[in-house]
PDB file of all heavy atoms in Angstrom:
ATOM      1  N   THR A   1     -19.000  21.671 -11.531  1.00  0.00           N
ATOM      2  CA  THR A   1     -20.026  20.626 -11.536  1.00  0.00           C
ATOM      3  C   THR A   1     -19.474  19.233 -11.590  1.00  0.00           C
ATOM      4  O   THR A   1     -20.174  18.256 -11.336  1.00  0.00           O
ATOM      5  CB  THR A   1     -20.967  20.859 -12.736  1.00  0.00           C
ATOM      6  OG1 THR A   1     -20.196  20.885 -13.941  1.00  0.00           O
ATOM      7  CG2 THR A   1     -21.710  22.186 -12.623  1.00  0.00           C
ATOM      8  N   SER A   2     -18.176  19.094 -11.938  1.00  0.00           N
ATOM      9  CA  SER A   2     -17.593  17.759 -12.012  1.00  0.00           C
ATOM     10  C   SER A   2     -17.173  17.249 -10.653  1.00  0.00           C
ATOM     11  O   SER A   2     -16.839  16.079 -10.469  1.00  0.00           O
ATOM     12  CB  SER A   2     -16.362  17.763 -12.923  1.00  0.00           C
ATOM     13  OG  SER A   2     -15.302  18.506 -12.373  1.00  0.00           O
ATOM     14  N   GLU A   3     -17.183  18.121  -9.598  1.00  0.00           N
ATOM     15  CA  GLU A   3     -16.759  17.727  -8.277  1.00  0.00           C
ATOM     16  C   GLU A   3     -17.950  17.559  -7.343  1.00  0.00           C
ATOM     17  O   GLU A   3     -19.061  18.088  -7.632  1.00  0.00           O
ATOM     18  CB  GLU A   3     -15.797  18.756  -7.706  1.00  0.00           C
ATOM     19  CG  GLU A   3     -14.512  18.893  -8.508  1.00  0.00           C
ATOM     20  CD  GLU A   3     -13.574  19.954  -7.963  1.00  0.00           C
ATOM     21  OE1 GLU A   3     -13.883  20.479  -6.845  1.00  0.00           O
ATOM     22  OE2 GLU A   3     -12.545  20.242  -8.583  1.00  0.00           O
ATOM     23  N   LEU A   4     -17.716  16.862  -6.240  1.00  0.00           N
ATOM     24  CA  LEU A   4     -18.786  16.591  -5.276  1.00  0.00           C
ATOM     25  C   LEU A   4     -18.420  17.310  -3.972  1.00  0.00           C
ATOM     26  O   LEU A   4     -17.348  17.141  -3.432  1.00  0.00           O
ATOM     27  CB  LEU A   4     -18.893  15.086  -5.019  1.00  0.00           C
ATOM     28  CG  LEU A   4     -19.961  14.643  -3.990  1.00  0.00           C
ATOM     29  CD1 LEU A   4     -21.357  14.979  -4.516  1.00  0.00           C
ATOM     30  CD2 LEU A   4     -19.808  13.174  -3.707  1.00  0.00           C
ATOM     31  N   SER A   5     -19.345  18.150  -3.497  1.00  0.00           N
ATOM     32  CA  SER A   5     -19.155  18.821  -2.214  1.00  0.00           C
ATOM     33  C   SER A   5     -19.229  17.826  -1.053  1.00  0.00           C
ATOM     34  O   SER A   5     -19.999  16.867  -1.112  1.00  0.00           O
ATOM     35  CB  SER A   5     -20.152  19.938  -1.981  1.00  0.00           C
ATOM     36  OG  SER A   5     -19.991  20.944  -2.963  1.00  0.00           O
ATOM     37  N   LEU A   6     -18.437  18.071  -0.032  1.00  0.00           N
ATOM     38  CA  LEU A   6     -18.329  17.107   1.091  1.00  0.00           C
ATOM     39  C   LEU A   6     -18.614  17.820   2.422  1.00  0.00           C
ATOM     40  O   LEU A   6     -18.346  19.027   2.583  1.00  0.00           O
ATOM     41  CB  LEU A   6     -16.932  16.497   1.150  1.00  0.00           C
ATOM     42  CG  LEU A   6     -16.461  15.773  -0.096  1.00  0.00           C
ATOM     43  CD1 LEU A   6     -15.014  15.319   0.093  1.00  0.00           C
ATOM     44  CD2 LEU A   6     -17.342  14.547  -0.380  1.00  0.00           C
ATOM     45  N   LEU A   7     -19.143  17.046   3.346  1.00  0.00           N
ATOM     46  CA  LEU A   7     -19.346  17.525   4.729  1.00  0.00           C
ATOM     47  C   LEU A   7     -18.525  16.623   5.673  1.00  0.00           C
ATOM     48  O   LEU A   7     -18.520  15.403   5.497  1.00  0.00           O
ATOM     49  CB  LEU A   7     -20.813  17.486   5.116  1.00  0.00           C
ATOM     50  CG  LEU A   7     -21.720  18.436   4.355  1.00  0.00           C
ATOM     51  CD1 LEU A   7     -23.175  18.188   4.768  1.00  0.00           C
ATOM     52  CD2 LEU A   7     -21.356  19.878   4.608  1.00  0.00           C
ATOM     53  N   ALA A   8     -17.870  17.223   6.616  1.00  0.00           N
ATOM     54  CA  ALA A   8     -17.031  16.440   7.536  1.00  0.00           C
ATOM     55  C   ALA A   8     -17.836  15.400   8.277  1.00  0.00           C
ATOM     56  O   ALA A   8     -19.002  15.587   8.614  1.00  0.00           O
ATOM     57  CB  ALA A   8     -16.364  17.400   8.528  1.00  0.00           C
ATOM     58  N   ASP A   9     -17.257  14.210   8.403  1.00  0.00           N
ATOM     59  CA  ASP A   9     -17.785  13.033   9.141  1.00  0.00           C
ATOM     60  C   ASP A   9     -18.823  12.249   8.378  1.00  0.00           C
ATOM     61  O   ASP A   9     -19.302  11.205   8.873  1.00  0.00           O
ATOM     62  CB  ASP A   9     -18.396  13.469  10.481  1.00  0.00           C
ATOM     63  CG  ASP A   9     -17.327  14.079  11.424  1.00  0.00           C
ATOM     64  OD1 ASP A   9     -16.164  13.628  11.346  1.00  0.00           O
ATOM     65  OD2 ASP A   9     -17.689  14.963  12.220  1.00  0.00           O
ATOM     66  N   GLU A  10     -19.213  12.653   7.159  1.00  0.00           N
ATOM     67  CA  GLU A  10     -20.171  11.836   6.438  1.00  0.00           C
ATOM     68  C   GLU A  10     -19.450  10.660   5.743  1.00  0.00           C
ATOM     69  O   GLU A  10     -18.221  10.725   5.525  1.00  0.00           O
ATOM     70  CB  GLU A  10     -20.904  12.711   5.372  1.00  0.00           C
ATOM     71  CG  GLU A  10     -20.056  13.150   4.215  1.00  0.00           C
ATOM     72  CD  GLU A  10     -20.890  13.863   3.152  1.00  0.00           C
ATOM     73  OE1 GLU A  10     -22.094  13.516   3.029  1.00  0.00           O
ATOM     74  OE2 GLU A  10     -20.345  14.682   2.427  1.00  0.00           O
ATOM     75  N   LEU A  11     -20.182   9.624   5.365  1.00  0.00           N
ATOM     76  CA  LEU A  11     -19.631   8.459   4.691  1.00  0.00           C
ATOM     77  C   LEU A  11     -20.048   8.453   3.234  1.00  0.00           C
ATOM     78  O   LEU A  11     -21.241   8.733   2.927  1.00  0.00           O
ATOM     79  CB  LEU A  11     -20.130   7.161   5.357  1.00  0.00           C
ATOM     80  CG  LEU A  11     -19.653   6.909   6.805  1.00  0.00           C
ATOM     81  CD1 LEU A  11     -20.249   5.623   7.345  1.00  0.00           C
ATOM     82  CD2 LEU A  11     -18.137   6.892   6.879  1.00  0.00           C
ATOM     83  N   ILE A  12     -19.122   8.185   2.369  1.00  0.00           N
ATOM     84  CA  ILE A  12     -19.440   8.155   0.939  1.00  0.00           C
ATOM     85  C   ILE A  12     -18.770   6.918   0.343  1.00  0.00           C
ATOM     86  O   ILE A  12     -17.896   6.303   0.940  1.00  0.00           O
ATOM     87  CB  ILE A  12     -18.943   9.414   0.198  1.00  0.00           C
ATOM     88  CG1 ILE A  12     -17.441   9.549   0.290  1.00  0.00           C
ATOM     89  CG2 ILE A  12     -19.616  10.652   0.693  1.00  0.00           C
ATOM     90  CD1 ILE A  12     -16.864  10.642  -0.552  1.00  0.00           C
ATOM     91  N   THR A  13     -19.186   6.550  -0.840  1.00  0.00           N
ATOM     92  CA  THR A  13     -18.584   5.453  -1.624  1.00  0.00           C
ATOM     93  C   THR A  13     -17.584   6.044  -2.604  1.00  0.00           C
ATOM     94  O   THR A  13     -17.908   6.999  -3.295  1.00  0.00           O
ATOM     95  CB  THR A  13     -19.611   4.614  -2.334  1.00  0.00           C
ATOM     96  OG1 THR A  13     -20.549   4.104  -1.400  1.00  0.00           O
ATOM     97  CG2 THR A  13     -18.972   3.478  -3.120  1.00  0.00           C
ATOM     98  N   VAL A  14     -16.403   5.494  -2.735  1.00  0.00           N
ATOM     99  CA  VAL A  14     -15.396   6.003  -3.613  1.00  0.00           C
ATOM    100  C   VAL A  14     -14.804   4.912  -4.472  1.00  0.00           C
ATOM    101  O   VAL A  14     -14.780   3.703  -4.052  1.00  0.00           O
ATOM    102  CB  VAL A  14     -14.263   6.719  -2.838  1.00  0.00           C
ATOM    103  CG1 VAL A  14     -14.754   7.935  -2.102  1.00  0.00           C
ATOM    104  CG2 VAL A  14     -13.574   5.796  -1.838  1.00  0.00           C
ATOM    105  N   TYR A  15     -14.298   5.280  -5.652  1.00  0.00           N
ATOM    106  CA  TYR A  15     -13.577   4.355  -6.491  1.00  0.00           C
ATOM    107  C   TYR A  15     -12.801   5.166  -7.482  1.00  0.00           C
ATOM    108  O   TYR A  15     -12.959   6.399  -7.622  1.00  0.00           O
ATOM    109  CB  TYR A  15     -14.572   3.383  -7.213  1.00  0.00           C
ATOM    110  CG  TYR A  15     -15.683   4.090  -7.957  1.00  0.00           C
ATOM    111  CD1 TYR A  15     -15.520   4.526  -9.268  1.00  0.00           C
ATOM    112  CD2 TYR A  15     -16.913   4.311  -7.327  1.00  0.00           C
ATOM    113  CE1 TYR A  15     -16.544   5.151  -9.949  1.00  0.00           C
ATOM    114  CE2 TYR A  15     -17.934   4.955  -7.995  1.00  0.00           C
ATOM    115  CZ  TYR A  15     -17.758   5.378  -9.296  1.00  0.00           C
ATOM    116  OH  TYR A  15     -18.785   6.025  -9.982  1.00  0.00           O
ATOM    117  N   THR A  16     -11.890   4.505  -8.182  1.00  0.00           N
ATOM    118  CA  THR A  16     -11.062   5.169  -9.193  1.00  0.00           C
ATOM    119  C   THR A  16     -11.384   4.633 -10.553  1.00  0.00           C
ATOM    120  O   THR A  16     -11.952   3.522 -10.670  1.00  0.00           O
ATOM    121  CB  THR A  16      -9.565   5.022  -8.863  1.00  0.00           C
ATOM    122  OG1 THR A  16      -8.809   5.851  -9.750  1.00  0.00           O
ATOM    123  CG2 THR A  16      -9.149   3.540  -8.991  1.00  0.00           C
ATOM    124  N   VAL A  17     -10.972   5.366 -11.588  1.00  0.00           N
ATOM    125  CA  VAL A  17     -11.176   4.926 -12.951  1.00  0.00           C
ATOM    126  C   VAL A  17      -9.841   5.093 -13.698  1.00  0.00           C
ATOM    127  O   VAL A  17      -9.007   5.930 -13.308  1.00  0.00           O
ATOM    128  CB  VAL A  17     -12.279   5.749 -13.659  1.00  0.00           C
ATOM    129  CG1 VAL A  17     -13.618   5.494 -13.014  1.00  0.00           C
ATOM    130  CG2 VAL A  17     -11.957   7.246 -13.653  1.00  0.00           C
ATOM    131  N   PRO A  18      -9.598   4.329 -14.761  1.00  0.00           N
ATOM    132  CA  PRO A  18      -8.311   4.409 -15.466  1.00  0.00           C
ATOM    133  C   PRO A  18      -8.077   5.802 -16.020  1.00  0.00           C
ATOM    134  O   PRO A  18      -8.991   6.484 -16.464  1.00  0.00           O
ATOM    135  CB  PRO A  18      -8.519   3.404 -16.615  1.00  0.00           C
ATOM    136  CG  PRO A  18      -9.561   2.428 -16.102  1.00  0.00           C
ATOM    137  CD  PRO A  18     -10.467   3.254 -15.250  1.00  0.00           C
ATOM    138  N   GLY A  19      -6.805   6.228 -15.891  1.00  0.00           N
ATOM    139  CA  GLY A  19      -6.425   7.519 -16.427  1.00  0.00           C
ATOM    140  C   GLY A  19      -6.771   8.718 -15.546  1.00  0.00           C
ATOM    141  O   GLY A  19      -6.549   9.860 -15.915  1.00  0.00           O
ATOM    142  N   MET A  20      -7.305   8.431 -14.356  1.00  0.00           N
ATOM    143  CA  MET A  20      -7.686   9.546 -13.472  1.00  0.00           C
ATOM    144  C   MET A  20      -6.515  10.026 -12.657  1.00  0.00           C
ATOM    145  O   MET A  20      -5.646   9.244 -12.239  1.00  0.00           O
ATOM    146  CB  MET A  20      -8.835   9.056 -12.538  1.00  0.00           C
ATOM    147  CG  MET A  20      -9.458  10.135 -11.710  1.00  0.00           C
ATOM    148  SD  MET A  20     -10.853   9.522 -10.805  1.00  0.00           S
ATOM    149  CE  MET A  20     -11.357  10.992  -9.946  1.00  0.00           C
ATOM    150  N   ASP A  21      -6.497  11.332 -12.329  1.00  0.00           N
ATOM    151  CA  ASP A  21      -5.474  11.906 -11.497  1.00  0.00           C
ATOM    152  C   ASP A  21      -5.431  11.159 -10.168  1.00  0.00           C
ATOM    153  O   ASP A  21      -6.491  11.028  -9.485  1.00  0.00           O
ATOM    154  CB  ASP A  21      -5.806  13.377 -11.272  1.00  0.00           C
ATOM    155  CG  ASP A  21      -4.695  14.130 -10.484  1.00  0.00           C
ATOM    156  OD1 ASP A  21      -3.947  13.469  -9.782  1.00  0.00           O
ATOM    157  OD2 ASP A  21      -4.625  15.375 -10.617  1.00  0.00           O
ATOM    158  N   PRO A  22      -4.295  10.627  -9.718  1.00  0.00           N
ATOM    159  CA  PRO A  22      -4.254   9.868  -8.446  1.00  0.00           C
ATOM    160  C   PRO A  22      -4.581  10.682  -7.210  1.00  0.00           C
ATOM    161  O   PRO A  22      -4.781  10.117  -6.125  1.00  0.00           O
ATOM    162  CB  PRO A  22      -2.767   9.356  -8.389  1.00  0.00           C
ATOM    163  CG  PRO A  22      -2.033  10.321  -9.259  1.00  0.00           C
ATOM    164  CD  PRO A  22      -2.965  10.703 -10.353  1.00  0.00           C
ATOM    165  N   ASP A  23      -4.574  12.030  -7.334  1.00  0.00           N
ATOM    166  CA  ASP A  23      -4.971  12.836  -6.169  1.00  0.00           C
ATOM    167  C   ASP A  23      -6.482  12.905  -6.002  1.00  0.00           C
ATOM    168  O   ASP A  23      -6.968  13.504  -5.022  1.00  0.00           O
ATOM    169  CB  ASP A  23      -4.476  14.280  -6.365  1.00  0.00           C
ATOM    170  CG  ASP A  23      -2.956  14.361  -6.149  1.00  0.00           C
ATOM    171  OD1 ASP A  23      -2.394  13.394  -5.640  1.00  0.00           O
ATOM    172  OD2 ASP A  23      -2.360  15.402  -6.499  1.00  0.00           O
ATOM    173  N   TRP A  24      -7.246  12.312  -6.896  1.00  0.00           N
ATOM    174  CA  TRP A  24      -8.697  12.401  -6.871  1.00  0.00           C
ATOM    175  C   TRP A  24      -9.329  11.013  -6.973  1.00  0.00           C
ATOM    176  O   TRP A  24      -8.718  10.099  -7.511  1.00  0.00           O
ATOM    177  CB  TRP A  24      -9.215  13.279  -8.026  1.00  0.00           C
ATOM    178  CG  TRP A  24      -8.764  14.701  -7.942  1.00  0.00           C
ATOM    179  CD1 TRP A  24      -7.577  15.193  -8.311  1.00  0.00           C
ATOM    180  CD2 TRP A  24      -9.539  15.820  -7.434  1.00  0.00           C
ATOM    181  NE1 TRP A  24      -7.512  16.565  -8.081  1.00  0.00           N
ATOM    182  CE2 TRP A  24      -8.707  16.942  -7.517  1.00  0.00           C
ATOM    183  CE3 TRP A  24     -10.814  15.939  -6.930  1.00  0.00           C
ATOM    184  CZ2 TRP A  24      -9.134  18.236  -7.137  1.00  0.00           C
ATOM    185  CZ3 TRP A  24     -11.242  17.174  -6.560  1.00  0.00           C
ATOM    186  CH2 TRP A  24     -10.434  18.297  -6.646  1.00  0.00           C
ATOM    187  N   LEU A  25     -10.516  10.906  -6.453  1.00  0.00           N
ATOM    188  CA  LEU A  25     -11.347   9.703  -6.598  1.00  0.00           C
ATOM    189  C   LEU A  25     -12.746  10.125  -7.056  1.00  0.00           C
ATOM    190  O   LEU A  25     -13.099  11.275  -6.945  1.00  0.00           O
ATOM    191  CB  LEU A  25     -11.427   8.957  -5.241  1.00  0.00           C
ATOM    192  CG  LEU A  25     -10.149   8.352  -4.703  1.00  0.00           C
ATOM    193  CD1 LEU A  25     -10.343   7.829  -3.277  1.00  0.00           C
ATOM    194  CD2 LEU A  25      -9.635   7.230  -5.569  1.00  0.00           C
ATOM    195  N   ILE A  26     -13.492   9.147  -7.516  1.00  0.00           N
ATOM    196  CA  ILE A  26     -14.904   9.382  -7.806  1.00  0.00           C
ATOM    197  C   ILE A  26     -15.685   9.073  -6.518  1.00  0.00           C
ATOM    198  O   ILE A  26     -15.520   7.994  -5.925  1.00  0.00           O
ATOM    199  CB  ILE A  26     -15.425   8.503  -8.976  1.00  0.00           C
ATOM    200  CG1 ILE A  26     -14.636   8.832 -10.237  1.00  0.00           C
ATOM    201  CG2 ILE A  26     -16.906   8.737  -9.186  1.00  0.00           C
ATOM    202  CD1 ILE A  26     -14.805  10.239 -10.716  1.00  0.00           C
ATOM    203  N   GLY A  27     -16.470  10.034  -6.090  1.00  0.00           N
ATOM    204  CA  GLY A  27     -17.278   9.812  -4.856  1.00  0.00           C
ATOM    205  C   GLY A  27     -18.756   9.816  -5.185  1.00  0.00           C
ATOM    206  O   GLY A  27     -19.224  10.576  -6.044  1.00  0.00           O
ATOM    207  N   GLU A  28     -19.506   8.951  -4.521  1.00  0.00           N
ATOM    208  CA  GLU A  28     -20.923   8.825  -4.700  1.00  0.00           C
ATOM    209  C   GLU A  28     -21.650   8.972  -3.364  1.00  0.00           C
ATOM    210  O   GLU A  28     -21.238   8.365  -2.339  1.00  0.00           O
ATOM    211  CB  GLU A  28     -21.310   7.518  -5.384  1.00  0.00           C
ATOM    212  CG  GLU A  28     -20.890   7.451  -6.833  1.00  0.00           C
ATOM    213  CD  GLU A  28     -21.461   6.200  -7.514  1.00  0.00           C
ATOM    214  OE1 GLU A  28     -22.173   5.423  -6.846  1.00  0.00           O
ATOM    215  OE2 GLU A  28     -21.207   6.010  -8.716  1.00  0.00           O
ATOM    216  N   ARG A  29     -22.730   9.759  -3.328  1.00  0.00           N
ATOM    217  CA  ARG A  29     -23.587   9.913  -2.178  1.00  0.00           C
ATOM    218  C   ARG A  29     -25.023   9.841  -2.687  1.00  0.00           C
ATOM    219  O   ARG A  29     -25.514  10.848  -3.239  1.00  0.00           O
ATOM    220  CB  ARG A  29     -23.308  11.223  -1.466  1.00  0.00           C
ATOM    221  CG  ARG A  29     -24.100  11.395  -0.180  1.00  0.00           C
ATOM    222  CD  ARG A  29     -24.296  12.844   0.256  1.00  0.00           C
ATOM    223  NE  ARG A  29     -23.045  13.555   0.371  1.00  0.00           N
ATOM    224  CZ  ARG A  29     -22.699  14.578  -0.440  1.00  0.00           C
ATOM    225  NH1 ARG A  29     -23.524  14.915  -1.416  1.00  0.00           N
ATOM    226  NH2 ARG A  29     -21.564  15.205  -0.291  1.00  0.00           N
ATOM    227  N   GLY A  30     -25.679   8.729  -2.524  1.00  0.00           N
ATOM    228  CA  GLY A  30     -27.029   8.568  -3.062  1.00  0.00           C
ATOM    229  C   GLY A  30     -26.982   8.669  -4.593  1.00  0.00           C
ATOM    230  O   GLY A  30     -26.208   7.933  -5.247  1.00  0.00           O
ATOM    231  N   ASN A  31     -27.747   9.579  -5.184  1.00  0.00           N
ATOM    232  CA  ASN A  31     -27.704   9.733  -6.631  1.00  0.00           C
ATOM    233  C   ASN A  31     -26.761  10.850  -7.053  1.00  0.00           C
ATOM    234  O   ASN A  31     -26.775  11.273  -8.232  1.00  0.00           O
ATOM    235  CB  ASN A  31     -29.146  10.013  -7.131  1.00  0.00           C
ATOM    236  CG  ASN A  31     -29.698  11.296  -6.490  1.00  0.00           C
ATOM    237  OD1 ASN A  31     -29.067  11.893  -5.635  1.00  0.00           O
ATOM    238  ND2 ASN A  31     -30.913  11.660  -6.919  1.00  0.00           N
ATOM    239  N   GLN A  32     -26.006  11.390  -6.123  1.00  0.00           N
ATOM    240  CA  GLN A  32     -24.969  12.412  -6.460  1.00  0.00           C
ATOM    241  C   GLN A  32     -23.634  11.782  -6.679  1.00  0.00           C
ATOM    242  O   GLN A  32     -23.242  10.823  -5.993  1.00  0.00           O
ATOM    243  CB  GLN A  32     -24.899  13.443  -5.320  1.00  0.00           C
ATOM    244  CG  GLN A  32     -26.151  14.256  -5.118  1.00  0.00           C
ATOM    245  CD  GLN A  32     -26.016  15.224  -3.959  1.00  0.00           C
ATOM    246  OE1 GLN A  32     -25.431  14.886  -2.928  1.00  0.00           O
ATOM    247  NE2 GLN A  32     -26.548  16.459  -4.137  1.00  0.00           N
ATOM    248  N   LYS A  33     -22.909  12.326  -7.642  1.00  0.00           N
ATOM    249  CA  LYS A  33     -21.609  11.760  -8.020  1.00  0.00           C
ATOM    250  C   LYS A  33     -20.677  12.874  -8.479  1.00  0.00           C
ATOM    251  O   LYS A  33     -21.115  13.827  -9.087  1.00  0.00           O
ATOM    252  CB  LYS A  33     -21.808  10.720  -9.117  1.00  0.00           C
ATOM    253  CG  LYS A  33     -20.528  10.070  -9.607  1.00  0.00           C
ATOM    254  CD  LYS A  33     -20.825   8.867 -10.513  1.00  0.00           C
ATOM    255  CE  LYS A  33     -21.715   9.254 -11.720  1.00  0.00           C
ATOM    256  NZ  LYS A  33     -21.970   8.113 -12.611  1.00  0.00           N
ATOM    257  N   GLY A  34     -19.393  12.717  -8.183  1.00  0.00           N
ATOM    258  CA  GLY A  34     -18.408  13.719  -8.581  1.00  0.00           C
ATOM    259  C   GLY A  34     -17.017  13.398  -8.029  1.00  0.00           C
ATOM    260  O   GLY A  34     -16.833  12.525  -7.232  1.00  0.00           O
ATOM    261  N   LYS A  35     -16.042  14.121  -8.549  1.00  0.00           N
ATOM    262  CA  LYS A  35     -14.682  13.941  -8.099  1.00  0.00           C
ATOM    263  C   LYS A  35     -14.489  14.524  -6.688  1.00  0.00           C
ATOM    264  O   LYS A  35     -15.084  15.563  -6.372  1.00  0.00           O
ATOM    265  CB  LYS A  35     -13.699  14.639  -9.050  1.00  0.00           C
ATOM    266  CG  LYS A  35     -13.669  14.025 -10.428  1.00  0.00           C
ATOM    267  CD  LYS A  35     -12.607  14.688 -11.319  1.00  0.00           C
ATOM    268  CE  LYS A  35     -12.913  16.152 -11.486  1.00  0.00           C
ATOM    269  NZ  LYS A  35     -11.889  16.813 -12.352  1.00  0.00           N
ATOM    270  N   VAL A  36     -13.678  13.822  -5.891  1.00  0.00           N
ATOM    271  CA  VAL A  36     -13.399  14.266  -4.506  1.00  0.00           C
ATOM    272  C   VAL A  36     -11.899  14.141  -4.270  1.00  0.00           C
ATOM    273  O   VAL A  36     -11.255  13.238  -4.760  1.00  0.00           O
ATOM    274  CB  VAL A  36     -14.174  13.429  -3.439  1.00  0.00           C
ATOM    275  CG1 VAL A  36     -15.663  13.684  -3.576  1.00  0.00           C
ATOM    276  CG2 VAL A  36     -13.864  11.953  -3.593  1.00  0.00           C
ATOM    277  N   PRO A  37     -11.295  15.071  -3.513  1.00  0.00           N
ATOM    278  CA  PRO A  37      -9.884  15.026  -3.234  1.00  0.00           C
ATOM    279  C   PRO A  37      -9.530  13.933  -2.242  1.00  0.00           C
ATOM    280  O   PRO A  37     -10.201  13.814  -1.210  1.00  0.00           O
ATOM    281  CB  PRO A  37      -9.532  16.426  -2.686  1.00  0.00           C
ATOM    282  CG  PRO A  37     -10.825  16.907  -2.133  1.00  0.00           C
ATOM    283  CD  PRO A  37     -11.909  16.304  -2.946  1.00  0.00           C
ATOM    284  N   VAL A  38      -8.501  13.153  -2.539  1.00  0.00           N
ATOM    285  CA  VAL A  38      -8.067  12.059  -1.669  1.00  0.00           C
ATOM    286  C   VAL A  38      -7.715  12.514  -0.303  1.00  0.00           C
ATOM    287  O   VAL A  38      -8.012  11.881   0.717  1.00  0.00           O
ATOM    288  CB  VAL A  38      -6.915  11.316  -2.330  1.00  0.00           C
ATOM    289  CG1 VAL A  38      -6.338  10.282  -1.380  1.00  0.00           C
ATOM    290  CG2 VAL A  38      -7.336  10.613  -3.623  1.00  0.00           C
ATOM    291  N   THR A  39      -7.065  13.674  -0.207  1.00  0.00           N
ATOM    292  CA  THR A  39      -6.514  14.119   1.079  1.00  0.00           C
ATOM    293  C   THR A  39      -7.621  14.562   2.061  1.00  0.00           C
ATOM    294  O   THR A  39      -7.326  14.858   3.196  1.00  0.00           O
ATOM    295  CB  THR A  39      -5.583  15.343   0.864  1.00  0.00           C
ATOM    296  OG1 THR A  39      -6.199  16.302   0.075  1.00  0.00           O
ATOM    297  CG2 THR A  39      -4.249  14.847   0.209  1.00  0.00           C
ATOM    298  N   TYR A  40      -8.854  14.597   1.613  1.00  0.00           N
ATOM    299  CA  TYR A  40      -9.959  14.944   2.466  1.00  0.00           C
ATOM    300  C   TYR A  40     -10.676  13.682   2.988  1.00  0.00           C
ATOM    301  O   TYR A  40     -11.722  13.804   3.661  1.00  0.00           O
ATOM    302  CB  TYR A  40     -10.961  15.828   1.773  1.00  0.00           C
ATOM    303  CG  TYR A  40     -10.555  17.278   1.684  1.00  0.00           C
ATOM    304  CD1 TYR A  40      -9.413  17.696   0.972  1.00  0.00           C
ATOM    305  CD2 TYR A  40     -11.278  18.237   2.342  1.00  0.00           C
ATOM    306  CE1 TYR A  40      -9.027  18.993   0.933  1.00  0.00           C
ATOM    307  CE2 TYR A  40     -10.905  19.568   2.298  1.00  0.00           C
ATOM    308  CZ  TYR A  40      -9.763  19.977   1.593  1.00  0.00           C
ATOM    309  OH  TYR A  40      -9.405  21.267   1.547  1.00  0.00           O
ATOM    310  N   LEU A  41     -10.150  12.491   2.724  1.00  0.00           N
ATOM    311  CA  LEU A  41     -10.840  11.259   3.012  1.00  0.00           C
ATOM    312  C   LEU A  41      -9.999  10.343   3.896  1.00  0.00           C
ATOM    313  O   LEU A  41      -8.779  10.385   3.896  1.00  0.00           O
ATOM    314  CB  LEU A  41     -11.163  10.518   1.702  1.00  0.00           C
ATOM    315  CG  LEU A  41     -12.002  11.280   0.644  1.00  0.00           C
ATOM    316  CD1 LEU A  41     -12.084  10.435  -0.611  1.00  0.00           C
ATOM    317  CD2 LEU A  41     -13.350  11.660   1.191  1.00  0.00           C
ATOM    318  N   GLU A  42     -10.692   9.512   4.652  1.00  0.00           N
ATOM    319  CA  GLU A  42     -10.099   8.392   5.348  1.00  0.00           C
ATOM    320  C   GLU A  42     -10.750   7.139   4.837  1.00  0.00           C
ATOM    321  O   GLU A  42     -11.951   6.909   5.078  1.00  0.00           O
ATOM    322  CB  GLU A  42     -10.302   8.538   6.859  1.00  0.00           C
ATOM    323  CG  GLU A  42      -9.737   7.370   7.674  1.00  0.00           C
ATOM    324  CD  GLU A  42     -10.052   7.423   9.146  1.00  0.00           C
ATOM    325  OE1 GLU A  42     -10.635   8.447   9.565  1.00  0.00           O
ATOM    326  OE2 GLU A  42      -9.710   6.490   9.862  1.00  0.00           O
TER     327      GLU A  42
END
């Protein structure tokens, strides 16, 4: 539940927070929010 499911080619908003694993970002899509892997993003 801490992660956000992704669909190829969609656009999301991402940001990082202090102390977070550098392989992950926080992703937001509308009112949904969760961790997303960096390597799946451009």
